[in-house]
Amino acid sequence: MKSANDCSVSQNKNTTDKTLHNISVDNKTIIFQANDKSLLECLENANVEVHYHCRDGFCGACRVTLVEGEISYPQGEPLAFIGEGEVLSCCCVPKSNIKLIVE
């Protein structure tokens, strides 16, 4: 069971960390590159299938579960509903190594 300290979401527009971070998903590790614009783009580049539609945080189709780590929304809080432990991969970037569940 995860604790509140396992995951963190920052919605500070000034928090853009483009350092390399490991993303654990589907029993593999992907490296978030500095030139990746979003978590969704990184996952697509690694051939991880993620549902999406608008790519702007409006529809919520790209939501994934953040199990561990910290992400931020560099462009501000998305408009789509996000449940506890969920993030919108189209408009977030990792701030640390993260672990995801993609359904």
PDB file of N, CA and C in Angstrom:
ATOM      1  N   MET A   1       0.839  -1.177   0.000  1.00  0.00           N
ATOM      2  CA  MET A   1       0.000   0.000   0.000  1.00  0.00           C
ATOM      3  C   MET A   1       0.882   1.238   0.000  1.00  0.00           C
ATOM      4  N   LYS A   2       0.580   2.165  -0.875  1.00  0.00           N
ATOM      5  CA  LYS A   2       1.418   3.355  -0.954  1.00  0.00           C
ATOM      6  C   LYS A   2       1.005   4.385   0.084  1.00  0.00           C
ATOM      7  N   SER A   3       1.988   5.142   0.506  1.00  0.00           N
ATOM      8  CA  SER A   3       1.713   6.215   1.451  1.00  0.00           C
ATOM      9  C   SER A   3       1.639   7.523   0.692  1.00  0.00           C
ATOM     10  N   ALA A   4       1.216   8.561   1.368  1.00  0.00           N
ATOM     11  CA  ALA A   4       1.102   9.872   0.734  1.00  0.00           C
ATOM     12  C   ALA A   4       2.450  10.387   0.263  1.00  0.00           C
ATOM     13  N   ASN A   5       3.537   9.888   0.833  1.00  0.00           N
ATOM     14  CA  ASN A   5       4.868  10.352   0.452  1.00  0.00           C
ATOM     15  C   ASN A   5       5.408   9.670  -0.795  1.00  0.00           C
ATOM     16  N   ASP A   6       4.740   8.616  -1.296  1.00  0.00           N
ATOM     17  CA  ASP A   6       5.231   7.890  -2.460  1.00  0.00           C
ATOM     18  C   ASP A   6       5.051   8.670  -3.757  1.00  0.00           C
ATOM     19  N   CYS A   7       4.010   9.479  -3.855  1.00  0.00           N
ATOM     20  CA  CYS A   7       3.688  10.179  -5.092  1.00  0.00           C
ATOM     21  C   CYS A   7       3.498  11.661  -4.809  1.00  0.00           C
ATOM     22  N   SER A   8       3.851  12.456  -5.788  1.00  0.00           N
ATOM     23  CA  SER A   8       3.683  13.888  -5.622  1.00  0.00           C
ATOM     24  C   SER A   8       3.389  14.526  -6.965  1.00  0.00           C
ATOM     25  N   VAL A   9       2.455  15.456  -6.972  1.00  0.00           N
ATOM     26  CA  VAL A   9       2.114  16.191  -8.177  1.00  0.00           C
ATOM     27  C   VAL A   9       2.277  17.667  -7.880  1.00  0.00           C
ATOM     28  N   SER A  10       3.058  18.337  -8.714  1.00  0.00           N
ATOM     29  CA  SER A  10       3.262  19.771  -8.571  1.00  0.00           C
ATOM     30  C   SER A  10       2.572  20.471  -9.722  1.00  0.00           C
ATOM     31  N   GLN A  11       1.857  21.526  -9.422  1.00  0.00           N
ATOM     32  CA  GLN A  11       1.194  22.267 -10.476  1.00  0.00           C
ATOM     33  C   GLN A  11       1.770  23.668 -10.588  1.00  0.00           C
ATOM     34  N   ASN A  12       3.004  23.816 -10.164  1.00  0.00           N
ATOM     35  CA  ASN A  12       3.707  25.083 -10.245  1.00  0.00           C
ATOM     36  C   ASN A  12       4.223  25.272 -11.659  1.00  0.00           C
ATOM     37  N   LYS A  13       3.789  26.316 -12.331  1.00  0.00           N
ATOM     38  CA  LYS A  13       4.198  26.567 -13.710  1.00  0.00           C
ATOM     39  C   LYS A  13       5.698  26.790 -13.838  1.00  0.00           C
ATOM     40  N   ASN A  14       6.351  27.211 -12.782  1.00  0.00           N
ATOM     41  CA  ASN A  14       7.785  27.494 -12.848  1.00  0.00           C
ATOM     42  C   ASN A  14       8.638  26.268 -12.544  1.00  0.00           C
ATOM     43  N   THR A  15       8.015  25.118 -12.355  1.00  0.00           N
ATOM     44  CA  THR A  15       8.749  23.906 -12.006  1.00  0.00           C
ATOM     45  C   THR A  15       8.891  23.028 -13.234  1.00  0.00           C
ATOM     46  N   THR A  16       9.897  23.282 -14.042  1.00  0.00           N
ATOM     47  CA  THR A  16      10.161  22.476 -15.219  1.00  0.00           C
ATOM     48  C   THR A  16      11.529  21.855 -15.060  1.00  0.00           C
ATOM     49  N   ASP A  17      11.546  20.563 -14.790  1.00  0.00           N
ATOM     50  CA  ASP A  17      12.795  19.843 -14.594  1.00  0.00           C
ATOM     51  C   ASP A  17      13.020  18.951 -15.795  1.00  0.00           C
ATOM     52  N   LYS A  18      14.005  19.253 -16.615  1.00  0.00           N
ATOM     53  CA  LYS A  18      14.285  18.481 -17.820  1.00  0.00           C
ATOM     54  C   LYS A  18      15.476  17.553 -17.629  1.00  0.00           C
ATOM     55  N   THR A  19      15.763  17.159 -16.402  1.00  0.00           N
ATOM     56  CA  THR A  19      16.826  16.193 -16.153  1.00  0.00           C
ATOM     57  C   THR A  19      16.341  14.825 -16.614  1.00  0.00           C
ATOM     58  N   LEU A  20      17.273  13.914 -16.830  1.00  0.00           N
ATOM     59  CA  LEU A  20      16.903  12.560 -17.215  1.00  0.00           C
ATOM     60  C   LEU A  20      16.343  11.818 -16.006  1.00  0.00           C
ATOM     61  N   HIS A  21      15.205  11.158 -16.195  1.00  0.00           N
ATOM     62  CA  HIS A  21      14.585  10.380 -15.125  1.00  0.00           C
ATOM     63  C   HIS A  21      14.163   9.028 -15.673  1.00  0.00           C
ATOM     64  N   ASN A  22      14.215   8.009 -14.823  1.00  0.00           N
ATOM     65  CA  ASN A  22      13.765   6.672 -15.204  1.00  0.00           C
ATOM     66  C   ASN A  22      12.262   6.563 -15.007  1.00  0.00           C
ATOM     67  N   ILE A  23      11.608   5.920 -15.974  1.00  0.00           N
ATOM     68  CA  ILE A  23      10.178   5.656 -15.903  1.00  0.00           C
ATOM     69  C   ILE A  23      10.000   4.146 -15.943  1.00  0.00           C
ATOM     70  N   SER A  24       9.449   3.579 -14.891  1.00  0.00           N
ATOM     71  CA  SER A  24       9.177   2.139 -14.853  1.00  0.00           C
ATOM     72  C   SER A  24       7.723   1.916 -15.231  1.00  0.00           C
ATOM     73  N   VAL A  25       7.517   1.143 -16.297  1.00  0.00           N
ATOM     74  CA  VAL A  25       6.167   0.848 -16.774  1.00  0.00           C
ATOM     75  C   VAL A  25       6.197  -0.466 -17.547  1.00  0.00           C
ATOM     76  N   ASP A  26       5.182  -1.277 -17.358  1.00  0.00           N
ATOM     77  CA  ASP A  26       5.070  -2.554 -18.090  1.00  0.00           C
ATOM     78  C   ASP A  26       6.345  -3.389 -18.017  1.00  0.00           C
ATOM     79  N   ASN A  27       6.910  -3.515 -16.838  1.00  0.00           N
ATOM     80  CA  ASN A  27       8.112  -4.330 -16.610  1.00  0.00           C
ATOM     81  C   ASN A  27       9.326  -3.894 -17.420  1.00  0.00           C
ATOM     82  N   LYS A  28       9.384  -2.625 -17.790  1.00  0.00           N
ATOM     83  CA  LYS A  28      10.588  -2.111 -18.433  1.00  0.00           C
ATOM     84  C   LYS A  28      10.869  -0.710 -17.915  1.00  0.00           C
ATOM     85  N   THR A  29      12.093  -0.275 -18.127  1.00  0.00           N
ATOM     86  CA  THR A  29      12.503   1.056 -17.695  1.00  0.00           C
ATOM     87  C   THR A  29      12.808   1.896 -18.917  1.00  0.00           C
ATOM     88  N   ILE A  30      12.228   3.075 -18.948  1.00  0.00           N
ATOM     89  CA  ILE A  30      12.393   4.031 -20.039  1.00  0.00           C
ATOM     90  C   ILE A  30      13.074   5.251 -19.454  1.00  0.00           C
ATOM     91  N   ILE A  31      13.876   5.921 -20.239  1.00  0.00           N
ATOM     92  CA  ILE A  31      14.523   7.148 -19.771  1.00  0.00           C
ATOM     93  C   ILE A  31      13.817   8.348 -20.379  1.00  0.00           C
ATOM     94  N   PHE A  32      13.330   9.235 -19.508  1.00  0.00           N
ATOM     95  CA  PHE A  32      12.731  10.487 -19.972  1.00  0.00           C
ATOM     96  C   PHE A  32      13.865  11.386 -20.426  1.00  0.00           C
ATOM     97  N   GLN A  33      13.892  11.703 -21.711  1.00  0.00           N
ATOM     98  CA  GLN A  33      14.957  12.514 -22.297  1.00  0.00           C
ATOM     99  C   GLN A  33      14.627  14.001 -22.173  1.00  0.00           C
ATOM    100  N   ALA A  34      15.637  14.821 -22.165  1.00  0.00           N
ATOM    101  CA  ALA A  34      15.453  16.267 -22.030  1.00  0.00           C
ATOM    102  C   ALA A  34      14.621  16.841 -23.176  1.00  0.00           C
ATOM    103  N   ASN A  35      14.644  16.206 -24.357  1.00  0.00           N
ATOM    104  CA  ASN A  35      13.891  16.739 -25.492  1.00  0.00           C
ATOM    105  C   ASN A  35      12.451  16.218 -25.551  1.00  0.00           C
ATOM    106  N   ASP A  36      12.060  15.310 -24.648  1.00  0.00           N
ATOM    107  CA  ASP A  36      10.670  14.857 -24.591  1.00  0.00           C
ATOM    108  C   ASP A  36       9.812  15.984 -24.037  1.00  0.00           C
ATOM    109  N   LYS A  37       8.730  16.312 -24.737  1.00  0.00           N
ATOM    110  CA  LYS A  37       7.873  17.419 -24.317  1.00  0.00           C
ATOM    111  C   LYS A  37       6.920  17.027 -23.199  1.00  0.00           C
ATOM    112  N   SER A  38       6.580  15.736 -23.134  1.00  0.00           N
ATOM    113  CA  SER A  38       5.639  15.271 -22.116  1.00  0.00           C
ATOM    114  C   SER A  38       5.895  13.803 -21.816  1.00  0.00           C
ATOM    115  N   LEU A  39       5.290  13.339 -20.754  1.00  0.00           N
ATOM    116  CA  LEU A  39       5.372  11.929 -20.412  1.00  0.00           C
ATOM    117  C   LEU A  39       4.768  11.083 -21.528  1.00  0.00           C
ATOM    118  N   LEU A  40       3.655  11.528 -22.107  1.00  0.00           N
ATOM    119  CA  LEU A  40       3.021  10.803 -23.208  1.00  0.00           C
ATOM    120  C   LEU A  40       3.982  10.642 -24.378  1.00  0.00           C
ATOM    121  N   GLU A  41       4.653  11.705 -24.760  1.00  0.00           N
ATOM    122  CA  GLU A  41       5.603  11.640 -25.876  1.00  0.00           C
ATOM    123  C   GLU A  41       6.720  10.641 -25.584  1.00  0.00           C
ATOM    124  N   CYS A  42       7.222  10.640 -24.385  1.00  0.00           N
ATOM    125  CA  CYS A  42       8.272   9.705 -23.989  1.00  0.00           C
ATOM    126  C   CYS A  42       7.778   8.262 -24.077  1.00  0.00           C
ATOM    127  N   LEU A  43       6.576   8.010 -23.571  1.00  0.00           N
ATOM    128  CA  LEU A  43       6.018   6.664 -23.616  1.00  0.00           C
ATOM    129  C   LEU A  43       5.792   6.214 -25.057  1.00  0.00           C
ATOM    130  N   GLU A  44       5.302   7.110 -25.894  1.00  0.00           N
ATOM    131  CA  GLU A  44       5.103   6.776 -27.310  1.00  0.00           C
ATOM    132  C   GLU A  44       6.427   6.446 -27.988  1.00  0.00           C
ATOM    133  N   ASN A  45       7.459   7.222 -27.702  1.00  0.00           N
ATOM    134  CA  ASN A  45       8.780   6.970 -28.289  1.00  0.00           C
ATOM    135  C   ASN A  45       9.337   5.612 -27.884  1.00  0.00           C
ATOM    136  N   ALA A  46       8.894   5.099 -26.736  1.00  0.00           N
ATOM    137  CA  ALA A  46       9.347   3.794 -26.245  1.00  0.00           C
ATOM    138  C   ALA A  46       8.360   2.678 -26.611  1.00  0.00           C
ATOM    139  N   ASN A  47       7.401   2.989 -27.483  1.00  0.00           N
ATOM    140  CA  ASN A  47       6.395   2.019 -27.938  1.00  0.00           C
ATOM    141  C   ASN A  47       5.515   1.476 -26.819  1.00  0.00           C
ATOM    142  N   VAL A  48       5.233   2.322 -25.827  1.00  0.00           N
ATOM    143  CA  VAL A  48       4.273   1.974 -24.782  1.00  0.00           C
ATOM    144  C   VAL A  48       2.933   2.563 -25.209  1.00  0.00           C
ATOM    145  N   GLU A  49       1.933   1.704 -25.349  1.00  0.00           N
ATOM    146  CA  GLU A  49       0.632   2.162 -25.827  1.00  0.00           C
ATOM    147  C   GLU A  49      -0.129   2.876 -24.716  1.00  0.00           C
ATOM    148  N   VAL A  50      -0.450   4.133 -24.975  1.00  0.00           N
ATOM    149  CA  VAL A  50      -1.223   4.947 -24.045  1.00  0.00           C
ATOM    150  C   VAL A  50      -2.368   5.568 -24.834  1.00  0.00           C
ATOM    151  N   HIS A  51      -3.581   5.464 -24.310  1.00  0.00           N
ATOM    152  CA  HIS A  51      -4.718   6.101 -24.969  1.00  0.00           C
ATOM    153  C   HIS A  51      -4.571   7.612 -24.839  1.00  0.00           C
ATOM    154  N   TYR A  52      -4.988   8.323 -25.860  1.00  0.00           N
ATOM    155  CA  TYR A  52      -4.966   9.785 -25.823  1.00  0.00           C
ATOM    156  C   TYR A  52      -5.976  10.307 -26.829  1.00  0.00           C
ATOM    157  N   HIS A  53      -6.265  11.587 -26.730  1.00  0.00           N
ATOM    158  CA  HIS A  53      -7.154  12.213 -27.702  1.00  0.00           C
ATOM    159  C   HIS A  53      -6.700  13.643 -27.981  1.00  0.00           C
ATOM    160  N   CYS A  54      -6.858  14.531 -27.025  1.00  0.00           N
ATOM    161  CA  CYS A  54      -6.613  15.957 -27.278  1.00  0.00           C
ATOM    162  C   CYS A  54      -5.155  16.378 -27.140  1.00  0.00           C
ATOM    163  N   ARG A  55      -4.377  15.682 -26.327  1.00  0.00           N
ATOM    164  CA  ARG A  55      -2.969  15.983 -26.055  1.00  0.00           C
ATOM    165  C   ARG A  55      -2.762  17.331 -25.351  1.00  0.00           C
ATOM    166  N   ASP A  56      -3.818  17.865 -24.738  1.00  0.00           N
ATOM    167  CA  ASP A  56      -3.731  19.168 -24.074  1.00  0.00           C
ATOM    168  C   ASP A  56      -4.298  19.193 -22.657  1.00  0.00           C
ATOM    169  N   GLY A  57      -4.655  18.056 -22.091  1.00  0.00           N
ATOM    170  CA  GLY A  57      -5.173  18.030 -20.728  1.00  0.00           C
ATOM    171  C   GLY A  57      -6.642  18.354 -20.601  1.00  0.00           C
ATOM    172  N   PHE A  58      -7.390  18.357 -21.719  1.00  0.00           N
ATOM    173  CA  PHE A  58      -8.816  18.669 -21.665  1.00  0.00           C
ATOM    174  C   PHE A  58      -9.690  17.429 -21.508  1.00  0.00           C
ATOM    175  N   CYS A  59      -9.343  16.338 -22.209  1.00  0.00           N
ATOM    176  CA  CYS A  59     -10.253  15.188 -22.272  1.00  0.00           C
ATOM    177  C   CYS A  59     -10.001  14.140 -21.198  1.00  0.00           C
ATOM    178  N   GLY A  60      -8.773  13.988 -20.737  1.00  0.00           N
ATOM    179  CA  GLY A  60      -8.451  13.008 -19.709  1.00  0.00           C
ATOM    180  C   GLY A  60      -8.220  11.597 -20.216  1.00  0.00           C
ATOM    181  N   ALA A  61      -8.244  11.389 -21.524  1.00  0.00           N
ATOM    182  CA  ALA A  61      -8.070  10.040 -22.081  1.00  0.00           C
ATOM    183  C   ALA A  61      -6.699   9.448 -21.781  1.00  0.00           C
ATOM    184  N   CYS A  62      -5.704  10.275 -21.570  1.00  0.00           N
ATOM    185  CA  CYS A  62      -4.320   9.810 -21.390  1.00  0.00           C
ATOM    186  C   CYS A  62      -3.952   9.558 -19.933  1.00  0.00           C
ATOM    187  N   ARG A  63      -4.942   9.500 -19.036  1.00  0.00           N
ATOM    188  CA  ARG A  63      -4.611   9.335 -17.611  1.00  0.00           C
ATOM    189  C   ARG A  63      -3.964   7.988 -17.356  1.00  0.00           C
ATOM    190  N   VAL A  64      -2.945   8.026 -16.530  1.00  0.00           N
ATOM    191  CA  VAL A  64      -2.235   6.832 -16.078  1.00  0.00           C
ATOM    192  C   VAL A  64      -2.113   6.929 -14.561  1.00  0.00           C
ATOM    193  N   THR A  65      -1.805   5.817 -13.927  1.00  0.00           N
ATOM    194  CA  THR A  65      -1.672   5.800 -12.471  1.00  0.00           C
ATOM    195  C   THR A  65      -0.215   5.987 -12.083  1.00  0.00           C
ATOM    196  N   LEU A  66       0.044   6.971 -11.240  1.00  0.00           N
ATOM    197  CA  LEU A  66       1.377   7.229 -10.708  1.00  0.00           C
ATOM    198  C   LEU A  66       1.516   6.449  -9.405  1.00  0.00           C
ATOM    199  N   VAL A  67       2.372   5.427  -9.413  1.00  0.00           N
ATOM    200  CA  VAL A  67       2.564   4.569  -8.248  1.00  0.00           C
ATOM    201  C   VAL A  67       3.634   5.138  -7.330  1.00  0.00           C
ATOM    202  N   GLU A  68       4.720   5.608  -7.919  1.00  0.00           N
ATOM    203  CA  GLU A  68       5.832   6.196  -7.161  1.00  0.00           C
ATOM    204  C   GLU A  68       6.399   7.362  -7.942  1.00  0.00           C
ATOM    205  N   GLY A  69       6.949   8.323  -7.222  1.00  0.00           N
ATOM    206  CA  GLY A  69       7.658   9.424  -7.843  1.00  0.00           C
ATOM    207  C   GLY A  69       6.888  10.721  -7.847  1.00  0.00           C
ATOM    208  N   GLU A  70       7.430  11.658  -8.580  1.00  0.00           N
ATOM    209  CA  GLU A  70       6.902  13.018  -8.589  1.00  0.00           C
ATOM    210  C   GLU A  70       6.865  13.541 -10.015  1.00  0.00           C
ATOM    211  N   ILE A  71       5.750  14.185 -10.375  1.00  0.00           N
ATOM    212  CA  ILE A  71       5.612  14.810 -11.693  1.00  0.00           C
ATOM    213  C   ILE A  71       5.218  16.268 -11.507  1.00  0.00           C
ATOM    214  N   SER A  72       5.283  17.021 -12.590  1.00  0.00           N
ATOM    215  CA  SER A  72       4.766  18.391 -12.561  1.00  0.00           C
ATOM    216  C   SER A  72       4.027  18.659 -13.860  1.00  0.00           C
ATOM    217  N   TYR A  73       3.180  19.671 -13.823  1.00  0.00           N
ATOM    218  CA  TYR A  73       2.464  20.149 -15.007  1.00  0.00           C
ATOM    219  C   TYR A  73       3.049  21.516 -15.367  1.00  0.00           C
ATOM    220  N   PRO A  74       4.037  21.556 -16.262  1.00  0.00           N
ATOM    221  CA  PRO A  74       4.723  22.816 -16.572  1.00  0.00           C
ATOM    222  C   PRO A  74       3.812  23.905 -17.136  1.00  0.00           C
ATOM    223  N   GLN A  75       2.734  23.511 -17.819  1.00  0.00           N
ATOM    224  CA  GLN A  75       1.833  24.500 -18.413  1.00  0.00           C
ATOM    225  C   GLN A  75       0.667  24.855 -17.498  1.00  0.00           C
ATOM    226  N   GLY A  76       0.676  24.357 -16.283  1.00  0.00           N
ATOM    227  CA  GLY A  76      -0.402  24.625 -15.339  1.00  0.00           C
ATOM    228  C   GLY A  76      -1.323  23.429 -15.194  1.00  0.00           C
ATOM    229  N   GLU A  77      -2.205  23.505 -14.231  1.00  0.00           N
ATOM    230  CA  GLU A  77      -3.114  22.406 -13.922  1.00  0.00           C
ATOM    231  C   GLU A  77      -4.020  22.088 -15.111  1.00  0.00           C
ATOM    232  N   PRO A  78      -4.135  20.802 -15.497  1.00  0.00           N
ATOM    233  CA  PRO A  78      -5.013  20.436 -16.612  1.00  0.00           C
ATOM    234  C   PRO A  78      -6.479  20.621 -16.238  1.00  0.00           C
ATOM    235  N   LEU A  79      -7.330  20.747 -17.254  1.00  0.00           N
ATOM    236  CA  LEU A  79      -8.751  20.972 -17.015  1.00  0.00           C
ATOM    237  C   LEU A  79      -9.535  19.684 -16.795  1.00  0.00           C
ATOM    238  N   ALA A  80      -9.042  18.562 -17.290  1.00  0.00           N
ATOM    239  CA  ALA A  80      -9.741  17.283 -17.133  1.00  0.00           C
ATOM    240  C   ALA A  80      -9.707  16.829 -15.679  1.00  0.00           C
ATOM    241  N   PHE A  81     -10.720  16.061 -15.288  1.00  0.00           N
ATOM    242  CA  PHE A  81     -10.773  15.492 -13.949  1.00  0.00           C
ATOM    243  C   PHE A  81      -9.641  14.490 -13.790  1.00  0.00           C
ATOM    244  N   ILE A  82      -8.955  14.544 -12.652  1.00  0.00           N
ATOM    245  CA  ILE A  82      -7.888  13.601 -12.340  1.00  0.00           C
ATOM    246  C   ILE A  82      -8.200  13.012 -10.967  1.00  0.00           C
ATOM    247  N   GLY A  83      -8.326  11.692 -10.916  1.00  0.00           N
ATOM    248  CA  GLY A  83      -8.571  11.011  -9.650  1.00  0.00           C
ATOM    249  C   GLY A  83      -7.298  10.920  -8.825  1.00  0.00           C
ATOM    250  N   GLU A  84      -7.435  10.541  -7.571  1.00  0.00           N
ATOM    251  CA  GLU A  84      -6.278  10.402  -6.689  1.00  0.00           C
ATOM    252  C   GLU A  84      -5.317   9.360  -7.253  1.00  0.00           C
ATOM    253  N   GLY A  85      -4.054   9.715  -7.341  1.00  0.00           N
ATOM    254  CA  GLY A  85      -3.038   8.814  -7.865  1.00  0.00           C
ATOM    255  C   GLY A  85      -2.935   8.803  -9.374  1.00  0.00           C
ATOM    256  N   GLU A  86      -3.771   9.575 -10.059  1.00  0.00           N
ATOM    257  CA  GLU A  86      -3.734   9.625 -11.522  1.00  0.00           C
ATOM    258  C   GLU A  86      -3.020  10.882 -11.998  1.00  0.00           C
ATOM    259  N   VAL A  87      -2.415  10.783 -13.178  1.00  0.00           N
ATOM    260  CA  VAL A  87      -1.804  11.939 -13.832  1.00  0.00           C
ATOM    261  C   VAL A  87      -2.180  11.902 -15.305  1.00  0.00           C
ATOM    262  N   LEU A  88      -2.170  13.055 -15.943  1.00  0.00           N
ATOM    263  CA  LEU A  88      -2.420  13.129 -17.380  1.00  0.00           C
ATOM    264  C   LEU A  88      -1.081  13.138 -18.093  1.00  0.00           C
ATOM    265  N   SER A  89      -0.800  12.050 -18.798  1.00  0.00           N
ATOM    266  CA  SER A  89       0.519  11.883 -19.413  1.00  0.00           C
ATOM    267  C   SER A  89       0.791  12.882 -20.528  1.00  0.00           C
ATOM    268  N   CYS A  90      -0.248  13.471 -21.121  1.00  0.00           N
ATOM    269  CA  CYS A  90      -0.044  14.391 -22.245  1.00  0.00           C
ATOM    270  C   CYS A  90       0.536  15.733 -21.831  1.00  0.00           C
ATOM    271  N   CYS A  91       0.406  16.082 -20.551  1.00  0.00           N
ATOM    272  CA  CYS A  91       0.823  17.428 -20.160  1.00  0.00           C
ATOM    273  C   CYS A  91       1.672  17.450 -18.893  1.00  0.00           C
ATOM    274  N   CYS A  92       2.215  16.310 -18.502  1.00  0.00           N
ATOM    275  CA  CYS A  92       3.083  16.294 -17.322  1.00  0.00           C
ATOM    276  C   CYS A  92       4.476  15.817 -17.694  1.00  0.00           C
ATOM    277  N   VAL A  93       5.415  16.132 -16.833  1.00  0.00           N
ATOM    278  CA  VAL A  93       6.803  15.677 -16.969  1.00  0.00           C
ATOM    279  C   VAL A  93       7.256  15.157 -15.607  1.00  0.00           C
ATOM    280  N   PRO A  94       8.131  14.156 -15.605  1.00  0.00           N
ATOM    281  CA  PRO A  94       8.625  13.653 -14.319  1.00  0.00           C
ATOM    282  C   PRO A  94       9.605  14.613 -13.669  1.00  0.00           C
ATOM    283  N   LYS A  95       9.531  14.706 -12.345  1.00  0.00           N
ATOM    284  CA  LYS A  95      10.496  15.491 -11.567  1.00  0.00           C
ATOM    285  C   LYS A  95      11.453  14.581 -10.822  1.00  0.00           C
ATOM    286  N   SER A  96      11.190  13.280 -10.894  1.00  0.00           N
ATOM    287  CA  SER A  96      12.022  12.267 -10.241  1.00  0.00           C
ATOM    288  C   SER A  96      11.829  10.978 -11.029  1.00  0.00           C
ATOM    289  N   ASN A  97      12.498   9.920 -10.624  1.00  0.00           N
ATOM    290  CA  ASN A  97      12.204   8.613 -11.198  1.00  0.00           C
ATOM    291  C   ASN A  97      10.776   8.264 -10.807  1.00  0.00           C
ATOM    292  N   ILE A  98      10.016   7.682 -11.740  1.00  0.00           N
ATOM    293  CA  ILE A  98       8.612   7.384 -11.469  1.00  0.00           C
ATOM    294  C   ILE A  98       8.275   5.947 -11.859  1.00  0.00           C
ATOM    295  N   LYS A  99       7.187   5.457 -11.284  1.00  0.00           N
ATOM    296  CA  LYS A  99       6.648   4.147 -11.631  1.00  0.00           C
ATOM    297  C   LYS A  99       5.186   4.351 -11.992  1.00  0.00           C
ATOM    298  N   LEU A 100       4.775   3.797 -13.142  1.00  0.00           N
ATOM    299  CA  LEU A 100       3.429   4.002 -13.663  1.00  0.00           C
ATOM    300  C   LEU A 100       2.701   2.687 -13.880  1.00  0.00           C
ATOM    301  N   ILE A 101       1.384   2.774 -13.872  1.00  0.00           N
ATOM    302  CA  ILE A 101       0.530   1.698 -14.361  1.00  0.00           C
ATOM    303  C   ILE A 101      -0.265   2.292 -15.519  1.00  0.00           C
ATOM    304  N   VAL A 102      -0.123   1.683 -16.694  1.00  0.00           N
ATOM    305  CA  VAL A 102      -0.852   2.122 -17.883  1.00  0.00           C
ATOM    306  C   VAL A 102      -1.879   1.048 -18.199  1.00  0.00           C
ATOM    307  N   GLU A 103      -3.142   1.436 -18.252  1.00  0.00           N
ATOM    308  CA  GLU A 103      -4.205   0.452 -18.536  1.00  0.00           C
ATOM    309  C   GLU A 103      -4.832   0.719 -19.867  1.00  0.00           C
TER     310      GLU A 103
END
